[in-house]
C-alpha atoms as a PDB file:
ATOM      1  CA  MET A   1     141.859  30.020 109.599  1.00  0.00           C
ATOM      2  CA  TYR A   2     139.077  30.469 107.078  1.00  0.00           C
ATOM      3  CA  LEU A   3     135.312  30.368 107.164  1.00  0.00           C
ATOM      4  CA  LEU A   4     133.652  28.531 104.290  1.00  0.00           C
ATOM      5  CA  ARG A   5     130.040  29.194 103.437  1.00  0.00           C
ATOM      6  CA  VAL A   6     128.219  26.221 101.974  1.00  0.00           C
ATOM      7  CA  PRO A   7     124.971  27.370 100.316  1.00  0.00           C
ATOM      8  CA  GLN A   8     123.258  23.992 100.418  1.00  0.00           C
ATOM      9  CA  PRO A   9     123.168  22.326 103.855  1.00  0.00           C
ATOM     10  CA  ASN A  10     122.902  18.911 102.186  1.00  0.00           C
ATOM     11  CA  ASP A  11     126.422  19.400 100.807  1.00  0.00           C
ATOM     12  CA  LEU A  12     128.037  20.159 104.172  1.00  0.00           C
ATOM     13  CA  ASP A  13     129.178  16.569 104.772  1.00  0.00           C
ATOM     14  CA  ARG A  14     130.417  16.180 101.191  1.00  0.00           C
ATOM     15  CA  VAL A  15     132.495  19.354 101.450  1.00  0.00           C
ATOM     16  CA  CYS A  16     133.970  18.181 104.780  1.00  0.00           C
ATOM     17  CA  VAL A  17     134.981  14.836 103.300  1.00  0.00           C
ATOM     18  CA  PHE A  18     136.485  16.499 100.225  1.00  0.00           C
ATOM     19  CA  LEU A  19     138.570  18.920 102.284  1.00  0.00           C
ATOM     20  CA  ARG A  20     139.663  16.326 104.827  1.00  0.00           C
ATOM     21  CA  ASN A  21     140.801  14.060 101.987  1.00  0.00           C
ATOM     22  CA  VAL A  22     143.250  16.781 100.952  1.00  0.00           C
ATOM     23  CA  HIS A  23     144.503  17.015 104.555  1.00  0.00           C
ATOM     24  CA  LEU A  24     142.836  20.230 105.690  1.00  0.00           C
ATOM     25  CA  ASP A  25     141.539  20.579 109.231  1.00  0.00           C
ATOM     26  CA  VAL A  26     137.811  21.189 108.922  1.00  0.00           C
ATOM     27  CA  GLN A  27     135.160  21.752 111.558  1.00  0.00           C
ATOM     28  CA  ALA A  28     131.443  22.133 110.951  1.00  0.00           C
ATOM     29  CA  ASN A  29     129.818  25.022 112.794  1.00  0.00           C
ATOM     30  CA  GLU A  30     126.278  25.214 114.143  1.00  0.00           C
ATOM     31  CA  ASP A  31     125.329  27.894 111.611  1.00  0.00           C
ATOM     32  CA  GLY A  32     126.033  25.583 108.654  1.00  0.00           C
ATOM     33  CA  THR A  33     129.448  27.029 107.852  1.00  0.00           C
ATOM     34  CA  LEU A  34     132.834  25.330 108.007  1.00  0.00           C
ATOM     35  CA  THR A  35     136.071  26.462 109.607  1.00  0.00           C
ATOM     36  CA  ALA A  36     139.133  25.313 107.670  1.00  0.00           C
ATOM     37  CA  SER A  37     142.866  25.534 108.182  1.00  0.00           C
ATOM     38  CA  ALA A  38     145.885  24.065 106.442  1.00  0.00           C
ATOM     39  CA  PRO A  39     148.220  22.546 109.031  1.00  0.00           C
ATOM     40  CA  GLY A  40     151.823  22.791 108.024  1.00  0.00           C
ATOM     41  CA  ALA A  41     151.341  25.748 105.705  1.00  0.00           C
ATOM     42  CA  ARG A  42     154.572  27.737 105.624  1.00  0.00           C
ATOM     43  CA  SER A  43     152.845  31.108 105.944  1.00  0.00           C
ATOM     44  CA  PRO A  44     149.373  32.669 106.040  1.00  0.00           C
ATOM     45  CA  LEU A  45     149.735  33.384 102.320  1.00  0.00           C
ATOM     46  CA  HIS A  46     150.446  29.721 101.574  1.00  0.00           C
ATOM     47  CA  GLU A  47     147.476  28.685 103.712  1.00  0.00           C
ATOM     48  CA  ARG A  48     145.151  31.100 101.881  1.00  0.00           C
ATOM     49  CA  ARG A  49     146.369  29.886  98.485  1.00  0.00           C
ATOM     50  CA  GLU A  50     146.075  26.220  99.447  1.00  0.00           C
ATOM     51  CA  ILE A  51     142.555  26.512 100.820  1.00  0.00           C
ATOM     52  CA  GLY A  52     141.573  28.829  97.966  1.00  0.00           C
ATOM     53  CA  GLY A  53     142.790  26.269  95.453  1.00  0.00           C
ATOM     54  CA  TYR A  54     140.647  23.552  96.985  1.00  0.00           C
ATOM     55  CA  VAL A  55     137.635  25.885  97.096  1.00  0.00           C
ATOM     56  CA  THR A  56     138.185  26.649  93.410  1.00  0.00           C
ATOM     57  CA  THR A  57     138.437  22.933  92.638  1.00  0.00           C
ATOM     58  CA  TRP A  58     135.226  22.184  94.562  1.00  0.00           C
ATOM     59  CA  ASN A  59     133.419  25.006  92.748  1.00  0.00           C
ATOM     60  CA  ALA A  60     134.597  23.763  89.343  1.00  0.00           C
ATOM     61  CA  LEU A  61     133.430  20.227  90.099  1.00  0.00           C
ATOM     62  CA  ASN A  62     130.175  21.335  91.756  1.00  0.00           C
ATOM     63  CA  PRO A  63     128.933  24.453  89.932  1.00  0.00           C
ATOM     64  CA  ALA A  64     125.424  24.080  91.371  1.00  0.00           C
ATOM     65  CA  SER A  65     126.791  24.281  94.926  1.00  0.00           C
ATOM     66  CA  PRO A  66     129.686  26.756  95.053  1.00  0.00           C
ATOM     67  CA  ILE A  67     131.299  27.537  98.389  1.00  0.00           C
ATOM     68  CA  ALA A  68     132.718  30.909  99.441  1.00  0.00           C
ATOM     69  CA  MET A  69     135.835  31.523 101.520  1.00  0.00           C
ATOM     70  CA  VAL A  70     136.232  34.295 104.107  1.00  0.00           C
ATOM     71  CA  GLU A  71     139.402  34.878 106.138  1.00  0.00           C
ATOM     72  CA  ILE A  72     138.918  34.990 109.907  1.00  0.00           C
ATOM     73  CA  THR A  73     141.388  35.544 112.714  1.00  0.00           C
END
């Protein structure tokens, strides 16, 4: 499971929609962060790479609102 930091609260819903459209499980937290996981990932490494790839894609498409990914347990 990963914590995603969204710097602009206005983008929180957009990030959720983007990640859910690529079949990630995403939950918004009260502090304005997101918790994301990749159901069906074959291993923790695959999950990290999958979520990291989508974070990289979001950041490339939205350079004014980059998100950061932190691994949590």
